[in-house]
Amino acid sequence: MSDNSTVLGVVILARHGDRQGFYQDPNTYSATDTEITPLGEKQEFQLGQLLRSIYLDSSSPSVISGINSTIANSTQLIVRADAGDEGGVIFKSAMALLQGLFPSNSNDSTTLANGTTVTAPLDGYQYIPIESVDTDNDISLEGWTQCPAFDKSTQAFYNSSEFQKKANESSSFLNQLPQYLDGRPVTLQNMFNIFDFINVQNIHNARFHQALPDTFLRQARDLANYHEYGVFTDPDVAGIGNMPFRAALPSVLNGLADIKNASQPVKLVYQSISYKPFLSLFNMTGVASMNSSLAGIVNYAAAVALEVRQPSDGSEPVLRFKFKNGTEEPDFTTYNFMNTTGDVKLSSFVDFMTPNAINSTSEWCTICGNTNSRGCDAISAANAQGRAAAAVHQPISPVGAGFLGAGLTLFVVLCMLGVMFFLGFLTIGRGRSRQRGRGGITSEPSSGDAKA
């Protein structure tokens, strides 16, 4: 690992901040909405400040080369936020983090023709564009929902002998919990919701905090870590359990490619996400296997920084993996990954990850077996129309071509006769004489017609 390398740019993946109560269906992971708290906003703001001190401060050894650190240059930044899971919490977390990363700048002003100087509102508040990733239109930041194949994998985990053994081992602890919960099922299968309720109440409810036995939060978290890591990872790097990061991979790889490409202005890519892609990321990169403490749910405002660095000897760029597990940790820690000590060649990371990426909604629909939601219904309909069109244009036999030609000839003749009839050159049945009256064109009955 070369400390003399230059940071060309960084891809940041950050979890949202503290929020109110939340519930996820343990079978499908469809989720309820919730709201970010002032604590959550502060956590994200502080994370943004720390990132600024590392990557935007000219005196930092890890300052990003060539980045505009005062007034944000939107061409140098790509910011995306999951707009599905947990309501607006993730998007609002991104807003709070960006305020710390690019604080208000009173120098953001302009002088008018009449000599008046105008400063932007809120002492130069910086409006940084955030792409709100709608899960109905984009699967990249939430690839696990409405994915039948993923749900099937989740059920297989629940039905495994390992899971059943864990459930038996934890039954004595779980049996002590109902008095501290809100009536939700007390089973290992529902463990995330149990832990999340205890965690939220322990932070925000003083009476609950005082009544909860000292070890219960830790025990609940340990079981939730086991549960969530089992659901959102897979022994096979390309397995369905790794769907959260596999779906996010294209945007990460594209960001790394933009940073590496000197002709592109991109310097910093930030994605605001839930905890789930972290589990798959740690599993796929081998970070969790080398650090068992990371095989679980990351804390609020946790962040991974993938630094693209140019070694001082001019060799190809490398990638450095850094992680900070929430505001409880004061700084980022560098981790070994990809079964390598220190930095990894960027090309090696890209070559390893690219085959595992899910690059389109169509590919996601096929892998998940989804045909009726998240755009898969439209894709299925388009594919069906394409197959039907292909069938219509199949080659026909000479005999069939002869019948087709005769049919077309007859059709043309009938069309010509119809036009002539419409124009009055031909009549069908009893004829009518036409004369122009004062009211326009009228029809008079012929001698053979009955009169009123």
Protein backbone atom coordinates (compact mmCIF):
# COMPACT_ATOMS: atom_id res chain seq x y z
CA MET A 1 0.00 0.00 0.00
CA SER A 2 1.60 3.21 -1.19
CA ASP A 3 1.00 6.27 0.99
CA ASN A 4 2.60 8.43 -1.68
CA SER A 5 -0.23 7.79 -4.12
CA THR A 6 -2.57 10.54 -5.29
CA VAL A 7 -6.32 10.27 -4.83
CA LEU A 8 -7.95 10.67 -8.25
CA GLY A 9 -11.44 10.33 -6.85
CA VAL A 10 -13.66 8.33 -4.52
CA VAL A 11 -16.89 6.34 -4.63
CA ILE A 12 -18.77 6.67 -1.34
CA LEU A 13 -21.57 4.38 -0.19
CA ALA A 14 -23.28 5.65 2.96
CA ARG A 15 -26.18 4.37 5.03
CA HIS A 16 -28.90 6.77 6.12
CA GLY A 17 -29.02 8.30 9.57
CA ASP A 18 -31.15 7.54 12.63
CA ARG A 19 -34.87 7.23 11.94
CA GLN A 20 -38.18 6.46 13.58
CA GLY A 21 -39.76 2.99 13.80
CA PHE A 22 -39.75 0.76 10.75
CA TYR A 23 -41.13 -2.63 9.74
CA GLN A 24 -40.12 -5.04 6.97
CA ASP A 25 -41.99 -8.15 5.90
CA PRO A 26 -39.49 -10.91 6.77
CA ASN A 27 -40.49 -12.91 3.67
CA THR A 28 -40.57 -10.25 0.94
CA TYR A 29 -38.84 -7.29 2.65
CA SER A 30 -41.58 -4.93 1.55
CA ALA A 31 -41.26 -2.04 3.98
CA THR A 32 -43.25 0.65 5.74
CA ASP A 33 -42.40 4.33 5.49
CA THR A 34 -40.68 6.12 8.33
CA GLU A 35 -39.06 9.49 9.04
CA ILE A 36 -35.52 10.65 9.69
CA THR A 37 -34.88 12.20 13.11
CA PRO A 38 -32.83 15.29 14.00
CA LEU A 39 -30.21 12.86 15.34
CA GLY A 40 -30.11 11.15 11.96
CA GLU A 41 -29.67 14.46 10.15
CA LYS A 42 -26.85 15.40 12.50
CA GLN A 43 -25.13 12.04 11.97
CA GLU A 44 -25.17 12.52 8.22
CA PHE A 45 -24.04 16.13 8.48
CA GLN A 46 -21.08 15.07 10.65
CA LEU A 47 -20.20 12.35 8.16
CA GLY A 48 -20.23 14.96 5.41
CA GLN A 49 -17.91 17.18 7.45
CA LEU A 50 -15.50 14.29 7.97
CA LEU A 51 -15.50 13.44 4.28
CA ARG A 52 -14.81 17.08 3.52
CA SER A 53 -11.81 17.11 5.88
CA ILE A 54 -10.41 13.99 4.19
CA TYR A 55 -11.11 14.58 0.51
CA LEU A 56 -11.66 18.33 0.03
CA ASP A 57 -9.14 19.89 2.42
CA SER A 58 -5.97 20.87 0.53
CA SER A 59 -3.85 20.05 3.59
CA SER A 60 -5.15 16.45 3.76
CA PRO A 61 -2.89 13.70 2.38
CA SER A 62 -6.01 12.20 0.76
CA VAL A 63 -7.35 15.34 -0.91
CA ILE A 64 -8.89 14.57 -4.29
CA SER A 65 -6.69 15.93 -7.05
CA GLY A 66 -8.36 18.73 -9.00
CA ILE A 67 -11.65 18.88 -7.14
CA ASN A 68 -13.32 22.21 -6.50
CA SER A 69 -13.64 22.30 -2.72
CA THR A 70 -15.34 25.65 -2.18
CA ILE A 71 -18.32 26.00 -4.51
CA ALA A 72 -19.43 22.58 -5.72
CA ASN A 73 -18.92 21.87 -9.40
CA SER A 74 -21.84 19.64 -10.35
CA THR A 75 -19.90 18.14 -13.27
CA GLN A 76 -17.42 16.69 -10.75
CA LEU A 77 -20.13 15.07 -8.62
CA ILE A 78 -22.58 12.20 -9.05
CA VAL A 79 -25.08 11.86 -6.21
CA ARG A 80 -27.79 9.19 -6.09
CA ALA A 81 -30.23 8.31 -3.30
CA ASP A 82 -32.59 5.37 -2.86
CA ALA A 83 -36.11 6.79 -2.91
CA GLY A 84 -37.92 3.55 -2.10
CA ASP A 85 -36.90 1.74 1.07
CA GLU A 86 -37.71 3.59 4.33
CA GLY A 87 -39.60 6.40 2.62
CA GLY A 88 -37.73 9.69 2.31
CA VAL A 89 -35.18 8.88 5.03
CA ILE A 90 -32.40 7.94 2.60
CA PHE A 91 -32.93 10.96 0.34
CA LYS A 92 -33.01 13.36 3.29
CA SER A 93 -29.85 11.74 4.63
CA ALA A 94 -28.12 12.60 1.37
CA MET A 95 -29.23 16.22 1.70
CA ALA A 96 -27.83 16.43 5.23
CA LEU A 97 -24.52 14.81 4.28
CA LEU A 98 -24.05 17.18 1.35
CA GLN A 99 -24.51 20.18 3.65
CA GLY A 100 -21.51 18.96 5.63
CA LEU A 101 -19.53 18.09 2.50
CA PHE A 102 -20.18 21.41 0.77
CA PRO A 103 -21.28 23.91 3.43
CA SER A 104 -22.78 27.30 2.70
CA ASN A 105 -20.36 29.69 1.04
CA SER A 106 -20.95 33.41 1.48
CA ASN A 107 -18.65 34.06 -1.45
CA ASP A 108 -21.31 32.60 -3.71
CA SER A 109 -22.54 36.01 -4.79
CA THR A 110 -23.01 38.14 -7.86
CA THR A 111 -22.91 41.86 -8.58
CA LEU A 112 -25.80 43.28 -10.59
CA ALA A 113 -25.55 45.96 -13.25
CA ASN A 114 -26.71 48.58 -10.76
CA GLY A 115 -23.83 47.71 -8.44
CA THR A 116 -25.89 45.68 -5.93
CA THR A 117 -24.17 42.54 -4.59
CA VAL A 118 -26.51 39.58 -4.00
CA THR A 119 -25.52 36.53 -1.95
CA ALA A 120 -27.35 33.25 -2.36
CA PRO A 121 -29.97 32.46 0.34
CA LEU A 122 -28.98 30.93 3.66
CA ASP A 123 -25.56 32.57 3.46
CA GLY A 124 -24.70 30.85 0.22
CA TYR A 125 -26.41 27.48 0.67
CA GLN A 126 -25.28 25.11 -2.06
CA TYR A 127 -27.95 23.28 -4.04
CA ILE A 128 -26.30 20.05 -5.17
CA PRO A 129 -28.32 17.88 -7.59
CA ILE A 130 -29.41 14.51 -6.18
CA GLU A 131 -30.75 11.79 -8.43
CA SER A 132 -33.76 10.31 -6.65
CA VAL A 133 -33.72 6.63 -7.62
CA ASP A 134 -37.36 5.57 -7.90
CA THR A 135 -37.60 1.84 -7.39
CA ASP A 136 -40.44 1.57 -9.95
CA ASN A 137 -38.12 2.86 -12.65
CA ASP A 138 -34.65 1.77 -11.51
CA ILE A 139 -33.61 -1.43 -9.74
CA SER A 140 -30.01 -0.42 -9.01
CA LEU A 141 -30.29 0.66 -5.35
CA GLU A 142 -33.01 -1.75 -4.28
CA GLY A 143 -32.62 -4.97 -6.26
CA TRP A 144 -34.07 -7.32 -3.64
CA THR A 145 -37.71 -6.18 -3.53
CA GLN A 146 -40.39 -7.79 -5.72
CA CYS A 147 -37.82 -10.37 -6.83
CA PRO A 148 -39.42 -13.84 -6.62
CA ALA A 149 -36.07 -15.63 -6.95
CA PHE A 150 -34.69 -13.63 -4.03
CA ASP A 151 -37.79 -14.40 -1.94
CA LYS A 152 -37.31 -18.08 -2.73
CA SER A 153 -33.70 -17.85 -1.56
CA THR A 154 -34.86 -16.21 1.67
CA GLN A 155 -37.30 -19.03 2.32
CA ALA A 156 -34.59 -21.61 1.64
CA PHE A 157 -32.46 -19.93 4.31
CA TYR A 158 -35.33 -20.03 6.80
CA ASN A 159 -35.95 -23.69 6.02
CA SER A 160 -32.30 -24.69 6.34
CA SER A 161 -31.16 -26.96 9.16
CA GLU A 162 -28.65 -24.28 10.19
CA PHE A 163 -31.40 -21.70 10.65
CA GLN A 164 -33.60 -24.14 12.55
CA LYS A 165 -30.69 -24.96 14.85
CA LYS A 166 -30.08 -21.25 15.48
CA ALA A 167 -33.78 -20.76 16.23
CA ASN A 168 -33.68 -23.54 18.84
CA GLU A 169 -30.52 -22.13 20.42
CA SER A 170 -32.02 -18.65 20.70
CA SER A 171 -35.50 -19.66 21.92
CA SER A 172 -34.76 -19.04 25.61
CA PHE A 173 -33.68 -15.46 24.88
CA LEU A 174 -36.58 -14.82 22.51
CA ASN A 175 -39.06 -16.04 25.12
CA GLN A 176 -37.96 -13.18 27.40
CA LEU A 177 -38.70 -10.46 24.84
CA PRO A 178 -42.52 -10.18 24.44
CA GLN A 179 -42.88 -7.78 27.39
CA TYR A 180 -40.45 -5.36 25.68
CA LEU A 181 -42.06 -5.47 22.24
CA ASP A 182 -45.17 -4.07 20.61
CA GLY A 183 -46.88 -7.36 19.86
CA ARG A 184 -44.86 -8.28 16.77
CA PRO A 185 -44.07 -12.01 16.35
CA VAL A 186 -41.14 -13.10 18.50
CA THR A 187 -39.41 -15.55 16.16
CA LEU A 188 -35.96 -15.75 14.67
CA GLN A 189 -37.54 -15.27 11.25
CA ASN A 190 -38.77 -11.85 12.40
CA MET A 191 -35.47 -10.96 14.04
CA PHE A 192 -34.70 -7.77 12.12
CA ASN A 193 -37.99 -6.20 13.20
CA ILE A 194 -37.41 -7.30 16.79
CA PHE A 195 -33.94 -5.76 16.87
CA ASP A 196 -35.02 -2.60 15.07
CA PHE A 197 -37.86 -1.97 17.52
CA ILE A 198 -35.58 -2.48 20.52
CA ASN A 199 -32.87 -0.30 18.99
CA VAL A 200 -35.21 2.59 18.11
CA GLN A 201 -36.91 2.52 21.50
CA ASN A 202 -33.59 2.28 23.32
CA ILE A 203 -32.43 5.47 21.57
CA HIS A 204 -35.61 7.53 21.85
CA ASN A 205 -37.66 6.18 24.77
CA ALA A 206 -36.15 6.92 28.18
CA ARG A 207 -38.47 4.59 30.09
CA PHE A 208 -37.74 1.73 27.69
CA HIS A 209 -34.01 2.43 27.90
CA GLN A 210 -34.07 2.16 31.69
CA ALA A 211 -36.17 -1.01 31.72
CA LEU A 212 -34.27 -2.97 29.08
CA PRO A 213 -31.72 -5.42 30.57
CA ASP A 214 -28.15 -4.46 29.73
CA THR A 215 -27.38 -7.42 27.46
CA PHE A 216 -30.65 -7.56 25.53
CA LEU A 217 -29.79 -5.02 22.81
CA ARG A 218 -26.46 -6.73 22.09
CA GLN A 219 -28.08 -10.17 22.01
CA ALA A 220 -30.83 -8.96 19.71
CA ARG A 221 -28.30 -7.34 17.42
CA ASP A 222 -26.19 -10.51 17.24
CA LEU A 223 -29.21 -12.52 16.12
CA ALA A 224 -30.27 -9.80 13.66
CA ASN A 225 -26.74 -9.79 12.21
CA TYR A 226 -26.94 -13.54 11.68
CA HIS A 227 -30.39 -13.20 10.13
CA GLU A 228 -29.62 -10.35 7.74
CA TYR A 229 -26.22 -11.66 6.64
CA GLY A 230 -27.88 -14.98 5.83
CA VAL A 231 -30.56 -13.28 3.74
CA PHE A 232 -28.46 -10.69 1.89
CA THR A 233 -25.38 -12.72 0.99
CA ASP A 234 -24.60 -15.84 -1.00
CA PRO A 235 -21.65 -18.27 -1.05
CA ASP A 236 -21.62 -17.85 -4.83
CA VAL A 237 -20.44 -14.36 -5.79
CA ALA A 238 -22.98 -14.36 -8.63
CA GLY A 239 -25.67 -15.88 -6.39
CA ILE A 240 -29.13 -14.40 -5.89
CA GLY A 241 -28.41 -13.63 -2.22
CA ASN A 242 -25.87 -11.01 -3.31
CA MET A 243 -28.57 -9.19 -5.28
CA PRO A 244 -28.33 -5.87 -3.33
CA PHE A 245 -24.76 -5.13 -4.39
CA ARG A 246 -24.96 -6.94 -7.74
CA ALA A 247 -27.74 -4.53 -8.74
CA ALA A 248 -25.72 -1.54 -7.50
CA LEU A 249 -22.50 -2.67 -9.20
CA PRO A 250 -23.01 -0.96 -12.60
CA SER A 251 -23.32 2.49 -11.01
CA VAL A 252 -20.25 1.80 -8.86
CA LEU A 253 -18.19 0.49 -11.78
CA ASN A 254 -19.28 3.39 -13.98
CA GLY A 255 -18.25 5.81 -11.26
CA LEU A 256 -14.83 4.20 -10.94
CA ALA A 257 -14.39 4.30 -14.72
CA ASP A 258 -15.32 7.99 -14.87
CA ILE A 259 -12.85 8.82 -12.11
CA LYS A 260 -10.07 6.89 -13.82
CA ASN A 261 -10.76 8.53 -17.19
CA ALA A 262 -8.83 11.80 -17.22
CA SER A 263 -11.12 13.17 -19.95
CA GLN A 264 -14.10 12.93 -17.57
CA PRO A 265 -14.62 15.61 -14.90
CA VAL A 266 -16.09 13.23 -12.29
CA LYS A 267 -14.19 13.23 -8.99
CA LEU A 268 -16.68 12.07 -6.37
CA VAL A 269 -19.56 9.59 -6.59
CA TYR A 270 -21.87 9.32 -3.58
CA GLN A 271 -24.73 6.85 -3.20
CA SER A 272 -27.09 7.08 -0.24
CA ILE A 273 -28.44 3.60 0.55
CA SER A 274 -29.88 1.26 3.17
CA TYR A 275 -27.82 -1.30 5.10
CA LYS A 276 -28.50 -4.21 2.73
CA PRO A 277 -25.99 -3.51 -0.09
CA PHE A 278 -23.22 -3.31 2.52
CA LEU A 279 -23.79 -6.95 3.48
CA SER A 280 -23.47 -8.13 -0.12
CA LEU A 281 -20.50 -5.83 -0.74
CA PHE A 282 -18.59 -7.12 2.28
CA ASN A 283 -19.36 -10.69 1.25
CA MET A 284 -18.45 -10.32 -2.44
CA THR A 285 -15.17 -8.52 -1.73
CA GLY A 286 -14.13 -10.93 1.03
CA VAL A 287 -14.01 -8.16 3.64
CA ALA A 288 -16.43 -9.98 5.94
CA SER A 289 -14.55 -13.28 5.73
CA MET A 290 -11.40 -11.49 6.87
CA ASN A 291 -13.24 -9.38 9.47
CA SER A 292 -16.10 -11.26 11.10
CA SER A 293 -17.31 -8.12 12.87
CA LEU A 294 -18.45 -6.80 9.49
CA ALA A 295 -20.73 -9.78 8.79
CA GLY A 296 -23.81 -7.91 9.94
CA ILE A 297 -25.91 -4.76 9.92
CA VAL A 298 -23.89 -1.56 9.65
CA ASN A 299 -24.72 1.35 11.94
CA TYR A 300 -26.55 4.51 10.98
CA ALA A 301 -24.35 6.82 8.86
CA ALA A 302 -21.86 4.03 8.17
CA ALA A 303 -19.86 4.57 4.99
CA VAL A 304 -17.55 2.76 2.59
CA ALA A 305 -15.03 4.82 0.63
CA LEU A 306 -13.54 3.23 -2.48
CA GLU A 307 -10.56 5.43 -3.26
CA VAL A 308 -9.12 5.45 -6.76
CA ARG A 309 -5.41 6.19 -6.32
CA GLN A 310 -2.59 6.85 -8.74
CA PRO A 311 0.69 5.34 -7.44
CA SER A 312 3.68 7.68 -7.47
CA ASP A 313 5.60 5.36 -9.81
CA GLY A 314 3.09 5.96 -12.59
CA SER A 315 1.76 2.41 -12.66
CA GLU A 316 -1.94 1.69 -13.16
CA PRO A 317 -4.46 3.08 -10.67
CA VAL A 318 -5.31 1.08 -7.56
CA LEU A 319 -8.35 0.82 -5.31
CA ARG A 320 -8.26 1.28 -1.53
CA PHE A 321 -11.13 -0.01 0.64
CA LYS A 322 -12.01 2.14 3.68
CA PHE A 323 -14.94 1.81 6.06
CA LYS A 324 -16.34 3.73 9.00
CA ASN A 325 -19.12 2.08 11.00
CA GLY A 326 -21.23 5.07 11.98
CA THR A 327 -20.58 8.06 14.19
CA GLU A 328 -19.37 5.79 16.99
CA GLU A 329 -16.07 5.41 15.12
CA PRO A 330 -14.07 8.63 14.81
CA ASP A 331 -12.40 7.86 11.49
CA PHE A 332 -12.23 5.50 8.54
CA THR A 333 -10.27 2.26 8.75
CA THR A 334 -8.49 0.73 5.77
CA TYR A 335 -9.41 -2.93 5.18
CA ASN A 336 -7.82 -5.66 3.11
CA PHE A 337 -10.11 -7.06 0.44
CA MET A 338 -10.17 -9.39 -2.56
CA ASN A 339 -7.88 -11.74 -0.59
CA THR A 340 -5.07 -9.19 -0.98
CA THR A 341 -3.10 -7.17 1.51
CA GLY A 342 -3.34 -3.44 0.86
CA ASP A 343 -4.47 -1.75 -2.35
CA VAL A 344 -5.86 -3.75 -5.27
CA LYS A 345 -5.32 -2.92 -8.92
CA LEU A 346 -8.41 -1.17 -10.18
CA SER A 347 -8.45 -3.37 -13.27
CA SER A 348 -8.42 -6.51 -11.10
CA PHE A 349 -11.44 -5.30 -9.13
CA VAL A 350 -13.31 -4.35 -12.30
CA ASP A 351 -12.49 -7.65 -14.03
CA PHE A 352 -13.68 -9.64 -11.03
CA MET A 353 -16.88 -7.69 -10.41
CA THR A 354 -18.08 -6.97 -13.95
CA PRO A 355 -19.44 -10.50 -14.70
CA ASN A 356 -21.51 -10.35 -11.51
CA ALA A 357 -23.18 -7.02 -12.27
CA ILE A 358 -26.85 -6.79 -13.24
CA ASN A 359 -26.74 -4.23 -16.00
CA SER A 360 -30.36 -3.65 -16.96
CA THR A 361 -33.91 -3.97 -15.74
CA SER A 362 -34.50 -6.61 -18.40
CA GLU A 363 -31.65 -8.73 -17.02
CA TRP A 364 -32.96 -8.21 -13.49
CA CYS A 365 -36.46 -9.31 -14.52
CA THR A 366 -35.07 -12.51 -16.04
CA ILE A 367 -32.91 -13.36 -13.02
CA CYS A 368 -35.70 -12.59 -10.56
CA GLY A 369 -38.46 -14.25 -12.56
CA ASN A 370 -40.56 -11.09 -12.35
CA THR A 371 -43.06 -10.46 -15.17
CA ASN A 372 -45.58 -8.09 -13.62
CA SER A 373 -43.95 -5.19 -11.72
CA ARG A 374 -41.03 -2.72 -11.63
CA GLY A 375 -41.14 -2.41 -15.42
CA CYS A 376 -41.00 -6.15 -16.02
CA ASP A 377 -44.62 -6.16 -17.20
CA ALA A 378 -43.80 -3.67 -19.96
CA ILE A 379 -40.70 -5.65 -20.91
CA SER A 380 -42.70 -8.89 -21.01
CA ALA A 381 -45.37 -7.24 -23.19
CA ALA A 382 -42.72 -5.84 -25.54
CA ASN A 383 -41.05 -9.24 -25.81
CA ALA A 384 -44.41 -10.87 -26.56
CA GLN A 385 -45.12 -8.31 -29.28
CA GLY A 386 -41.68 -8.91 -30.71
CA ARG A 387 -42.30 -12.64 -30.85
CA ALA A 388 -45.68 -12.09 -32.48
CA ALA A 389 -44.17 -9.75 -35.06
CA ALA A 390 -41.45 -12.26 -35.79
CA ALA A 391 -44.05 -14.95 -36.30
CA VAL A 392 -45.99 -12.77 -38.79
CA HIS A 393 -42.83 -12.21 -40.81
CA GLN A 394 -41.94 -15.88 -41.09
CA PRO A 395 -41.17 -17.01 -44.72
CA ILE A 396 -44.17 -18.56 -46.53
CA SER A 397 -44.34 -21.31 -49.13
CA PRO A 398 -44.75 -20.59 -52.91
CA VAL A 399 -48.34 -21.90 -52.75
CA GLY A 400 -49.07 -19.63 -49.80
CA ALA A 401 -47.48 -16.73 -51.66
CA GLY A 402 -49.79 -17.40 -54.60
CA PHE A 403 -52.90 -17.26 -52.42
CA LEU A 404 -51.55 -14.13 -50.73
CA GLY A 405 -50.98 -12.45 -54.12
CA ALA A 406 -54.48 -13.31 -55.32
CA GLY A 407 -55.96 -12.04 -52.08
CA LEU A 408 -54.10 -8.73 -52.34
CA THR A 409 -55.27 -8.30 -55.97
CA LEU A 410 -58.88 -8.88 -54.97
CA PHE A 411 -58.49 -6.47 -52.06
CA VAL A 412 -57.18 -3.71 -54.34
CA VAL A 413 -60.04 -4.21 -56.82
CA LEU A 414 -62.62 -4.02 -54.03
CA CYS A 415 -61.03 -0.83 -52.71
CA MET A 416 -61.21 0.77 -56.19
CA LEU A 417 -64.86 -0.20 -56.56
CA GLY A 418 -65.58 1.26 -53.14
CA VAL A 419 -64.00 4.58 -54.05
CA MET A 420 -65.92 4.74 -57.34
CA PHE A 421 -69.17 4.00 -55.51
CA PHE A 422 -68.45 6.73 -52.99
CA LEU A 423 -67.79 9.27 -55.74
CA GLY A 424 -71.01 8.35 -57.54
CA PHE A 425 -69.52 6.66 -60.58
CA LEU A 426 -71.19 3.38 -59.58
CA THR A 427 -74.46 2.59 -57.83
CA ILE A 428 -75.50 -0.49 -55.95
CA GLY A 429 -79.18 -1.50 -55.90
CA ARG A 430 -81.78 1.08 -56.98
CA GLY A 431 -80.33 4.28 -58.32
CA ARG A 432 -80.95 7.79 -57.07
CA SER A 433 -80.83 11.03 -59.02
CA ARG A 434 -79.12 13.97 -57.30
CA GLN A 435 -79.88 17.65 -57.68
CA ARG A 436 -78.53 20.66 -55.88
CA GLY A 437 -81.11 22.48 -53.78
CA ARG A 438 -80.88 25.58 -51.68
CA GLY A 439 -80.03 23.58 -48.64
CA GLY A 440 -77.15 21.83 -50.33
CA ILE A 441 -77.08 18.35 -51.75
CA THR A 442 -80.40 16.51 -51.36
CA SER A 443 -81.73 13.20 -52.60
CA GLU A 444 -85.07 12.76 -54.27
CA PRO A 445 -86.78 9.44 -54.47
CA SER A 446 -86.85 7.70 -57.84
CA SER A 447 -90.12 6.64 -59.46
CA GLY A 448 -89.87 3.26 -57.86
CA ASP A 449 -89.54 4.58 -54.30
CA ALA A 450 -92.48 4.85 -51.90
CA LYS A 451 -93.33 8.41 -50.92
CA ALA A 452 -94.08 9.56 -47.45
